[in-house]
Amino acid sequence: MEVIGFVAAIAIGIILGLIGGGGSILTVPILVYLFGINPELATSYSLFVVGITAGIGSYKHYTFQNLKVKEALYFAFPSILSILLVRKIILPKIPTVLFETGTTTVTKDMLIMLVFALLMLATSRAMIMGRSENCKTEVSRIKLGIIGLIVGLVTGFLGAGGGFLIIPALIFFGGIPMKQAVGTSLLIITINSLSGFAGDLVNGININVTFMLSITLMAVMGMLIGSGFSRKIDGGRLKRAFGWFVLFMSLFIISKELFIK
């Protein structure tokens, strides 16, 4: 299973490079289901892997002129505050076992994965069925900050870079075209993810550095492949592909948590 996991890690980077998000949607399930890592610890690994990989991808998209730096910063800084709040204060206070009903035990780990999946379902619908891109010359800084704050809460709880929420937010609320949303999302993911991981280090989390760097190396290889392909694919097709990918992964996680044991 670990060999499959390392191969799948390459897909993390490819997805990030192609559609500017979705890396964490792969990373957390890969770590949990293929490497047998506890979901809460997997969120920490995910923050590092996705953060480093997205950072390299954002530079690639900067060279393609697909990166809006100011919009990314307006979005990212409020996110950092909410990420650190969740991972420092809220997440440690959630009990390991939430409740039991008959033969079913609802745990903190199950909650993390199911919330992850439900948010992905909502996002996939917006990307597949949503309205057309509405490009604007001016983007509301306040609106981006508020959305960034909300995404940061999700990122902190799920250990996700947030790209599966950031991309729709940039397109539908920021009016940024898909290809520029991809590059901008990667920079936001970099800032959010590495800030969250730094907070985990401060909180004293134990990590396997060699394992984490190995997964990251595979993901970076995939990122370089995905970034190259993204230049050749139409933005509308990328948006729909993103939606279908998120839908598939959400259904897989729900079935895994509730029906496949």
C-alpha atoms as a PDB file:
ATOM      1  CA  MET A   1       0.000   0.000   0.000  1.00  0.00           C
ATOM      2  CA  GLU A   2       2.874   2.386   0.689  1.00  0.00           C
ATOM      3  CA  VAL A   3       4.190   2.036  -2.872  1.00  0.00           C
ATOM      4  CA  ILE A   4       0.735   2.963  -4.154  1.00  0.00           C
ATOM      5  CA  GLY A   5       0.738   5.859  -1.695  1.00  0.00           C
ATOM      6  CA  PHE A   6       4.001   7.301  -3.027  1.00  0.00           C
ATOM      7  CA  VAL A   7       2.749   6.997  -6.612  1.00  0.00           C
ATOM      8  CA  ALA A   8      -0.493   8.692  -5.566  1.00  0.00           C
ATOM      9  CA  ALA A   9       1.571  11.503  -4.017  1.00  0.00           C
ATOM     10  CA  ILE A  10       2.690  12.438  -7.541  1.00  0.00           C
ATOM     11  CA  ALA A  11      -0.988  12.920  -8.368  1.00  0.00           C
ATOM     12  CA  ILE A  12      -1.213  15.462  -5.526  1.00  0.00           C
ATOM     13  CA  GLY A  13       1.203  17.717  -7.365  1.00  0.00           C
ATOM     14  CA  ILE A  14      -0.358  17.122 -10.776  1.00  0.00           C
ATOM     15  CA  ILE A  15      -3.791  18.122  -9.487  1.00  0.00           C
ATOM     16  CA  LEU A  16      -2.393  21.218  -7.758  1.00  0.00           C
ATOM     17  CA  GLY A  17      -0.486  22.245 -10.857  1.00  0.00           C
ATOM     18  CA  LEU A  18      -3.467  21.757 -13.152  1.00  0.00           C
ATOM     19  CA  ILE A  19      -6.320  23.260 -11.155  1.00  0.00           C
ATOM     20  CA  GLY A  20      -4.744  25.255  -8.311  1.00  0.00           C
ATOM     21  CA  GLY A  21      -6.399  23.201  -5.601  1.00  0.00           C
ATOM     22  CA  GLY A  22      -7.404  19.713  -4.656  1.00  0.00           C
ATOM     23  CA  GLY A  23      -3.978  18.689  -3.387  1.00  0.00           C
ATOM     24  CA  SER A  24      -5.170  18.409   0.181  1.00  0.00           C
ATOM     25  CA  ILE A  25      -8.254  16.530  -0.994  1.00  0.00           C
ATOM     26  CA  LEU A  26      -5.841  13.827  -2.113  1.00  0.00           C
ATOM     27  CA  THR A  27      -3.186  14.231   0.566  1.00  0.00           C
ATOM     28  CA  VAL A  28      -5.310  13.586   3.646  1.00  0.00           C
ATOM     29  CA  PRO A  29      -7.031  10.430   2.265  1.00  0.00           C
ATOM     30  CA  ILE A  30      -3.695   9.103   0.939  1.00  0.00           C
ATOM     31  CA  LEU A  31      -2.031   9.538   4.333  1.00  0.00           C
ATOM     32  CA  VAL A  32      -4.991   8.101   6.235  1.00  0.00           C
ATOM     33  CA  TYR A  33      -6.026   5.208   3.981  1.00  0.00           C
ATOM     34  CA  LEU A  34      -2.753   4.177   2.300  1.00  0.00           C
ATOM     35  CA  PHE A  35      -0.191   4.950   5.019  1.00  0.00           C
ATOM     36  CA  GLY A  36      -2.429   4.350   8.050  1.00  0.00           C
ATOM     37  CA  ILE A  37      -1.707   7.725   9.661  1.00  0.00           C
ATOM     38  CA  ASN A  38      -4.079   9.189  12.245  1.00  0.00           C
ATOM     39  CA  PRO A  39      -6.338  11.812  10.547  1.00  0.00           C
ATOM     40  CA  GLU A  40      -5.383  14.619  12.934  1.00  0.00           C
ATOM     41  CA  LEU A  41      -1.646  14.003  12.371  1.00  0.00           C
ATOM     42  CA  ALA A  42      -2.334  13.609   8.640  1.00  0.00           C
ATOM     43  CA  THR A  43      -3.698  17.160   8.592  1.00  0.00           C
ATOM     44  CA  SER A  44      -0.314  18.418   9.813  1.00  0.00           C
ATOM     45  CA  TYR A  45       1.624  16.456   7.193  1.00  0.00           C
ATOM     46  CA  SER A  46      -0.842  17.677   4.586  1.00  0.00           C
ATOM     47  CA  LEU A  47      -0.218  21.314   5.478  1.00  0.00           C
ATOM     48  CA  PHE A  48       3.514  20.916   4.842  1.00  0.00           C
ATOM     49  CA  VAL A  49       3.276  18.786   1.700  1.00  0.00           C
ATOM     50  CA  VAL A  50       0.646  20.970   0.068  1.00  0.00           C
ATOM     51  CA  GLY A  51       2.304  24.208   1.222  1.00  0.00           C
ATOM     52  CA  ILE A  52       5.729  23.411  -0.260  1.00  0.00           C
ATOM     53  CA  THR A  53       4.268  21.978  -3.459  1.00  0.00           C
ATOM     54  CA  ALA A  54       1.904  24.919  -3.958  1.00  0.00           C
ATOM     55  CA  GLY A  55       4.782  27.358  -3.349  1.00  0.00           C
ATOM     56  CA  ILE A  56       6.738  25.915  -6.240  1.00  0.00           C
ATOM     57  CA  GLY A  57       3.600  25.913  -8.381  1.00  0.00           C
ATOM     58  CA  SER A  58       2.819  29.553  -7.581  1.00  0.00           C
ATOM     59  CA  TYR A  59       6.259  30.567  -8.838  1.00  0.00           C
ATOM     60  CA  LYS A  60       5.655  28.637 -12.049  1.00  0.00           C
ATOM     61  CA  HIS A  61       2.333  30.420 -12.554  1.00  0.00           C
ATOM     62  CA  TYR A  62       4.001  33.755 -11.798  1.00  0.00           C
ATOM     63  CA  THR A  63       6.250  33.136 -14.791  1.00  0.00           C
ATOM     64  CA  PHE A  64       3.069  32.410 -16.819  1.00  0.00           C
ATOM     65  CA  GLN A  65       1.584  35.781 -15.623  1.00  0.00           C
ATOM     66  CA  ASN A  66      -1.281  33.912 -13.952  1.00  0.00           C
ATOM     67  CA  LEU A  67      -0.708  35.282 -10.438  1.00  0.00           C
ATOM     68  CA  LYS A  68      -2.496  38.197  -8.724  1.00  0.00           C
ATOM     69  CA  VAL A  69      -0.235  38.864  -5.735  1.00  0.00           C
ATOM     70  CA  LYS A  70      -2.207  41.678  -4.059  1.00  0.00           C
ATOM     71  CA  GLU A  71      -5.483  39.752  -4.165  1.00  0.00           C
ATOM     72  CA  ALA A  72      -3.702  36.712  -2.746  1.00  0.00           C
ATOM     73  CA  LEU A  73      -2.363  38.715   0.213  1.00  0.00           C
ATOM     74  CA  TYR A  74      -5.757  40.321   0.968  1.00  0.00           C
ATOM     75  CA  PHE A  75      -7.171  36.804   1.102  1.00  0.00           C
ATOM     76  CA  ALA A  76      -4.326  35.088   2.930  1.00  0.00           C
ATOM     77  CA  PHE A  77      -3.619  37.262   5.956  1.00  0.00           C
ATOM     78  CA  PRO A  78      -7.113  36.961   7.528  1.00  0.00           C
ATOM     79  CA  SER A  79      -6.885  33.231   6.783  1.00  0.00           C
ATOM     80  CA  ILE A  80      -3.678  32.917   8.794  1.00  0.00           C
ATOM     81  CA  LEU A  81      -5.357  34.369  11.890  1.00  0.00           C
ATOM     82  CA  SER A  82      -8.272  31.939  11.757  1.00  0.00           C
ATOM     83  CA  ILE A  83      -6.008  28.955  10.939  1.00  0.00           C
ATOM     84  CA  LEU A  84      -3.842  29.552  13.998  1.00  0.00           C
ATOM     85  CA  LEU A  85      -6.928  30.112  16.168  1.00  0.00           C
ATOM     86  CA  VAL A  86      -8.438  26.775  15.143  1.00  0.00           C
ATOM     87  CA  ARG A  87      -5.270  24.676  15.409  1.00  0.00           C
ATOM     88  CA  LYS A  88      -4.044  26.250  18.656  1.00  0.00           C
ATOM     89  CA  ILE A  89      -7.300  26.571  20.608  1.00  0.00           C
ATOM     90  CA  ILE A  90     -10.316  24.868  19.037  1.00  0.00           C
ATOM     91  CA  LEU A  91      -9.039  21.587  17.523  1.00  0.00           C
ATOM     92  CA  PRO A  92      -7.174  20.379  20.667  1.00  0.00           C
ATOM     93  CA  LYS A  93     -10.361  20.824  22.725  1.00  0.00           C
ATOM     94  CA  ILE A  94     -12.533  18.545  20.581  1.00  0.00           C
ATOM     95  CA  PRO A  95     -12.857  15.166  22.405  1.00  0.00           C
ATOM     96  CA  THR A  96     -11.548  12.009  20.743  1.00  0.00           C
ATOM     97  CA  VAL A  97     -14.966  10.318  21.018  1.00  0.00           C
ATOM     98  CA  LEU A  98     -17.880  12.650  20.353  1.00  0.00           C
ATOM     99  CA  PHE A  99     -20.786  10.288  21.027  1.00  0.00           C
ATOM    100  CA  GLU A 100     -21.997   6.707  20.633  1.00  0.00           C
ATOM    101  CA  THR A 101     -25.279   5.474  19.179  1.00  0.00           C
ATOM    102  CA  GLY A 102     -25.861   1.740  19.412  1.00  0.00           C
ATOM    103  CA  THR A 103     -22.949   0.041  17.670  1.00  0.00           C
ATOM    104  CA  THR A 104     -21.732   3.251  16.045  1.00  0.00           C
ATOM    105  CA  THR A 105     -19.033   5.418  17.619  1.00  0.00           C
ATOM    106  CA  VAL A 106     -18.612   8.901  16.163  1.00  0.00           C
ATOM    107  CA  THR A 107     -15.032  10.027  16.691  1.00  0.00           C
ATOM    108  CA  LYS A 108     -13.106  13.233  16.137  1.00  0.00           C
ATOM    109  CA  ASP A 109     -11.259  11.576  13.245  1.00  0.00           C
ATOM    110  CA  MET A 110     -14.521  10.583  11.566  1.00  0.00           C
ATOM    111  CA  LEU A 111     -15.860  14.112  12.014  1.00  0.00           C
ATOM    112  CA  ILE A 112     -12.796  15.608  10.310  1.00  0.00           C
ATOM    113  CA  MET A 113     -13.167  13.350   7.269  1.00  0.00           C
ATOM    114  CA  LEU A 114     -16.953  13.756   6.945  1.00  0.00           C
ATOM    115  CA  VAL A 115     -16.873  17.548   7.245  1.00  0.00           C
ATOM    116  CA  PHE A 116     -14.134  17.476   4.630  1.00  0.00           C
ATOM    117  CA  ALA A 117     -16.348  15.432   2.292  1.00  0.00           C
ATOM    118  CA  LEU A 118     -19.507  17.535   2.778  1.00  0.00           C
ATOM    119  CA  LEU A 119     -17.686  20.761   1.983  1.00  0.00           C
ATOM    120  CA  MET A 120     -16.254  19.107  -1.103  1.00  0.00           C
ATOM    121  CA  LEU A 121     -19.764  18.135  -2.261  1.00  0.00           C
ATOM    122  CA  ALA A 122     -20.944  21.736  -2.019  1.00  0.00           C
ATOM    123  CA  THR A 123     -17.859  22.984  -3.854  1.00  0.00           C
ATOM    124  CA  SER A 124     -18.192  20.462  -6.679  1.00  0.00           C
ATOM    125  CA  ARG A 125     -21.768  21.572  -7.344  1.00  0.00           C
ATOM    126  CA  ALA A 126     -20.689  25.214  -7.563  1.00  0.00           C
ATOM    127  CA  MET A 127     -17.941  24.403 -10.051  1.00  0.00           C
ATOM    128  CA  ILE A 128     -19.953  22.008 -12.243  1.00  0.00           C
ATOM    129  CA  MET A 129     -23.311  23.810 -12.224  1.00  0.00           C
ATOM    130  CA  GLY A 130     -22.229  27.334 -11.265  1.00  0.00           C
ATOM    131  CA  ARG A 131     -22.581  30.499 -13.278  1.00  0.00           C
ATOM    132  CA  SER A 132     -20.045  31.679 -15.812  1.00  0.00           C
ATOM    133  CA  GLU A 133     -16.976  33.616 -14.758  1.00  0.00           C
ATOM    134  CA  ASN A 134     -17.720  37.271 -14.113  1.00  0.00           C
ATOM    135  CA  CYS A 135     -14.393  39.014 -14.547  1.00  0.00           C
ATOM    136  CA  LYS A 136     -13.997  42.399 -12.835  1.00  0.00           C
ATOM    137  CA  THR A 137     -11.388  45.090 -13.054  1.00  0.00           C
ATOM    138  CA  GLU A 138     -11.684  45.838  -9.316  1.00  0.00           C
ATOM    139  CA  VAL A 139     -11.953  43.231  -6.603  1.00  0.00           C
ATOM    140  CA  SER A 140     -13.359  44.097  -3.169  1.00  0.00           C
ATOM    141  CA  ARG A 141     -10.539  43.829  -0.634  1.00  0.00           C
ATOM    142  CA  ILE A 142     -13.005  43.593   2.247  1.00  0.00           C
ATOM    143  CA  LYS A 143     -14.912  40.773   0.541  1.00  0.00           C
ATOM    144  CA  LEU A 144     -11.708  38.853  -0.137  1.00  0.00           C
ATOM    145  CA  GLY A 145     -10.645  39.318   3.497  1.00  0.00           C
ATOM    146  CA  ILE A 146     -13.952  38.015   4.857  1.00  0.00           C
ATOM    147  CA  ILE A 147     -13.888  34.988   2.553  1.00  0.00           C
ATOM    148  CA  GLY A 148     -10.254  34.402   3.508  1.00  0.00           C
ATOM    149  CA  LEU A 149     -11.212  34.402   7.191  1.00  0.00           C
ATOM    150  CA  ILE A 150     -13.870  31.745   6.570  1.00  0.00           C
ATOM    151  CA  VAL A 151     -11.573  29.590   4.431  1.00  0.00           C
ATOM    152  CA  GLY A 152      -8.928  29.813   7.143  1.00  0.00           C
ATOM    153  CA  LEU A 153     -11.328  28.241   9.638  1.00  0.00           C
ATOM    154  CA  VAL A 154     -11.815  25.308   7.281  1.00  0.00           C
ATOM    155  CA  THR A 155      -8.094  25.053   6.533  1.00  0.00           C
ATOM    156  CA  GLY A 156      -7.248  24.978  10.231  1.00  0.00           C
ATOM    157  CA  PHE A 157      -9.789  22.292  11.024  1.00  0.00           C
ATOM    158  CA  LEU A 158      -9.175  20.018   8.054  1.00  0.00           C
ATOM    159  CA  GLY A 159      -5.470  20.533   7.416  1.00  0.00           C
ATOM    160  CA  ALA A 160      -6.462  21.433   3.868  1.00  0.00           C
ATOM    161  CA  GLY A 161      -4.770  24.066   1.783  1.00  0.00           C
ATOM    162  CA  GLY A 162      -8.279  25.247   1.011  1.00  0.00           C
ATOM    163  CA  GLY A 163      -7.905  25.292  -2.758  1.00  0.00           C
ATOM    164  CA  PHE A 164     -11.204  23.458  -3.213  1.00  0.00           C
ATOM    165  CA  LEU A 165     -12.847  26.500  -1.550  1.00  0.00           C
ATOM    166  CA  ILE A 166     -10.423  29.222  -2.676  1.00  0.00           C
ATOM    167  CA  ILE A 167     -10.863  28.570  -6.409  1.00  0.00           C
ATOM    168  CA  PRO A 168     -14.690  29.033  -6.375  1.00  0.00           C
ATOM    169  CA  ALA A 169     -14.322  32.071  -4.079  1.00  0.00           C
ATOM    170  CA  LEU A 170     -11.845  33.783  -6.411  1.00  0.00           C
ATOM    171  CA  ILE A 171     -13.980  33.031  -9.473  1.00  0.00           C
ATOM    172  CA  PHE A 172     -17.481  33.745  -8.169  1.00  0.00           C
ATOM    173  CA  PHE A 173     -16.778  36.449  -5.567  1.00  0.00           C
ATOM    174  CA  GLY A 174     -13.513  37.907  -6.794  1.00  0.00           C
ATOM    175  CA  GLY A 175     -14.349  37.799 -10.489  1.00  0.00           C
ATOM    176  CA  ILE A 176     -10.922  36.353 -11.360  1.00  0.00           C
ATOM    177  CA  PRO A 177     -10.651  34.172 -14.510  1.00  0.00           C
ATOM    178  CA  MET A 178      -9.999  30.464 -13.955  1.00  0.00           C
ATOM    179  CA  LYS A 179      -6.358  30.389 -15.040  1.00  0.00           C
ATOM    180  CA  GLN A 180      -5.451  33.401 -12.873  1.00  0.00           C
ATOM    181  CA  ALA A 181      -7.490  31.899 -10.025  1.00  0.00           C
ATOM    182  CA  VAL A 182      -5.295  28.785 -10.280  1.00  0.00           C
ATOM    183  CA  GLY A 183      -2.045  30.726  -9.834  1.00  0.00           C
ATOM    184  CA  THR A 184      -3.467  33.033  -7.159  1.00  0.00           C
ATOM    185  CA  SER A 185      -4.926  30.083  -5.271  1.00  0.00           C
ATOM    186  CA  LEU A 186      -1.530  28.386  -5.143  1.00  0.00           C
ATOM    187  CA  LEU A 187       0.065  31.411  -3.455  1.00  0.00           C
ATOM    188  CA  ILE A 188      -2.770  31.618  -0.920  1.00  0.00           C
ATOM    189  CA  ILE A 189      -2.476  27.874  -0.251  1.00  0.00           C
ATOM    190  CA  THR A 190       1.276  28.259   0.295  1.00  0.00           C
ATOM    191  CA  ILE A 191       0.832  31.012   2.885  1.00  0.00           C
ATOM    192  CA  ASN A 192      -2.091  29.324   4.649  1.00  0.00           C
ATOM    193  CA  SER A 193      -0.632  25.824   4.741  1.00  0.00           C
ATOM    194  CA  LEU A 194       2.874  26.714   5.912  1.00  0.00           C
ATOM    195  CA  SER A 195       1.452  29.076   8.548  1.00  0.00           C
ATOM    196  CA  GLY A 196      -0.728  26.274   9.870  1.00  0.00           C
ATOM    197  CA  PHE A 197       2.184  23.827   9.865  1.00  0.00           C
ATOM    198  CA  ALA A 198       4.399  26.324  11.704  1.00  0.00           C
ATOM    199  CA  GLY A 199       1.677  26.641  14.326  1.00  0.00           C
ATOM    200  CA  ASP A 200       1.618  22.852  14.731  1.00  0.00           C
ATOM    201  CA  LEU A 201       5.393  22.818  15.264  1.00  0.00           C
ATOM    202  CA  VAL A 202       5.042  25.460  17.958  1.00  0.00           C
ATOM    203  CA  ASN A 203       2.348  23.311  19.570  1.00  0.00           C
ATOM    204  CA  GLY A 204       4.891  20.454  19.776  1.00  0.00           C
ATOM    205  CA  ILE A 205       3.477  17.978  17.252  1.00  0.00           C
ATOM    206  CA  ASN A 206       5.674  14.926  16.573  1.00  0.00           C
ATOM    207  CA  ILE A 207       6.467  14.353  12.903  1.00  0.00           C
ATOM    208  CA  ASN A 208       8.501  11.892  10.847  1.00  0.00           C
ATOM    209  CA  VAL A 209      10.652  14.321   8.843  1.00  0.00           C
ATOM    210  CA  THR A 210      12.048  11.721   6.418  1.00  0.00           C
ATOM    211  CA  PHE A 211       8.607  10.397   5.542  1.00  0.00           C
ATOM    212  CA  MET A 212       7.154  13.894   5.163  1.00  0.00           C
ATOM    213  CA  LEU A 213       9.950  15.039   2.857  1.00  0.00           C
ATOM    214  CA  SER A 214       9.599  11.891   0.746  1.00  0.00           C
ATOM    215  CA  ILE A 215       5.897  12.550   0.143  1.00  0.00           C
ATOM    216  CA  THR A 216       6.677  16.197  -0.584  1.00  0.00           C
ATOM    217  CA  LEU A 217       9.307  15.283  -3.188  1.00  0.00           C
ATOM    218  CA  MET A 218       6.807  13.082  -5.041  1.00  0.00           C
ATOM    219  CA  ALA A 219       4.207  15.840  -4.957  1.00  0.00           C
ATOM    220  CA  VAL A 220       6.690  18.443  -6.280  1.00  0.00           C
ATOM    221  CA  MET A 221       7.477  16.164  -9.221  1.00  0.00           C
ATOM    222  CA  GLY A 222       3.781  16.009 -10.002  1.00  0.00           C
ATOM    223  CA  MET A 223       3.442  19.789  -9.643  1.00  0.00           C
ATOM    224  CA  LEU A 224       6.029  20.413 -12.352  1.00  0.00           C
ATOM    225  CA  ILE A 225       4.114  18.082 -14.671  1.00  0.00           C
ATOM    226  CA  GLY A 226       0.709  19.595 -13.885  1.00  0.00           C
ATOM    227  CA  SER A 227       1.849  23.216 -14.261  1.00  0.00           C
ATOM    228  CA  GLY A 228       3.121  22.502 -17.755  1.00  0.00           C
ATOM    229  CA  PHE A 229      -0.159  20.903 -18.840  1.00  0.00           C
ATOM    230  CA  SER A 230      -2.267  23.726 -17.341  1.00  0.00           C
ATOM    231  CA  ARG A 231      -1.022  26.154 -20.007  1.00  0.00           C
ATOM    232  CA  LYS A 232      -2.506  23.988 -22.758  1.00  0.00           C
ATOM    233  CA  ILE A 233      -5.999  23.444 -21.332  1.00  0.00           C
ATOM    234  CA  ASP A 234      -8.971  25.827 -21.654  1.00  0.00           C
ATOM    235  CA  GLY A 235     -10.031  27.558 -18.417  1.00  0.00           C
ATOM    236  CA  GLY A 236     -13.669  26.415 -18.680  1.00  0.00           C
ATOM    237  CA  ARG A 237     -12.601  22.802 -19.023  1.00  0.00           C
ATOM    238  CA  LEU A 238     -10.286  23.171 -16.032  1.00  0.00           C
ATOM    239  CA  LYS A 239     -13.149  24.498 -13.914  1.00  0.00           C
ATOM    240  CA  ARG A 240     -15.468  21.603 -14.788  1.00  0.00           C
ATOM    241  CA  ALA A 241     -12.672  19.072 -14.326  1.00  0.00           C
ATOM    242  CA  PHE A 242     -12.013  20.540 -10.877  1.00  0.00           C
ATOM    243  CA  GLY A 243     -15.699  20.138  -9.971  1.00  0.00           C
ATOM    244  CA  TRP A 244     -15.920  16.508 -11.077  1.00  0.00           C
ATOM    245  CA  PHE A 245     -12.665  15.629  -9.325  1.00  0.00           C
ATOM    246  CA  VAL A 246     -13.874  17.133  -6.027  1.00  0.00           C
ATOM    247  CA  LEU A 247     -17.232  15.331  -6.378  1.00  0.00           C
ATOM    248  CA  PHE A 248     -15.560  11.957  -6.899  1.00  0.00           C
ATOM    249  CA  MET A 249     -13.255  12.386  -3.902  1.00  0.00           C
ATOM    250  CA  SER A 250     -16.084  13.514  -1.614  1.00  0.00           C
ATOM    251  CA  LEU A 251     -18.182  10.439  -2.453  1.00  0.00           C
ATOM    252  CA  PHE A 252     -15.168   8.180  -1.904  1.00  0.00           C
ATOM    253  CA  ILE A 253     -14.497   9.618   1.572  1.00  0.00           C
ATOM    254  CA  ILE A 254     -18.173   9.398   2.617  1.00  0.00           C
ATOM    255  CA  SER A 255     -18.406   5.759   1.499  1.00  0.00           C
ATOM    256  CA  LYS A 256     -15.103   4.929   3.198  1.00  0.00           C
ATOM    257  CA  GLU A 257     -16.094   6.472   6.525  1.00  0.00           C
ATOM    258  CA  LEU A 258     -19.688   5.265   6.684  1.00  0.00           C
ATOM    259  CA  PHE A 259     -19.906   2.035   4.721  1.00  0.00           C
ATOM    260  CA  ILE A 260     -16.469   0.489   4.087  1.00  0.00           C
ATOM    261  CA  LYS A 261     -14.697  -0.665   7.236  1.00  0.00           C
END
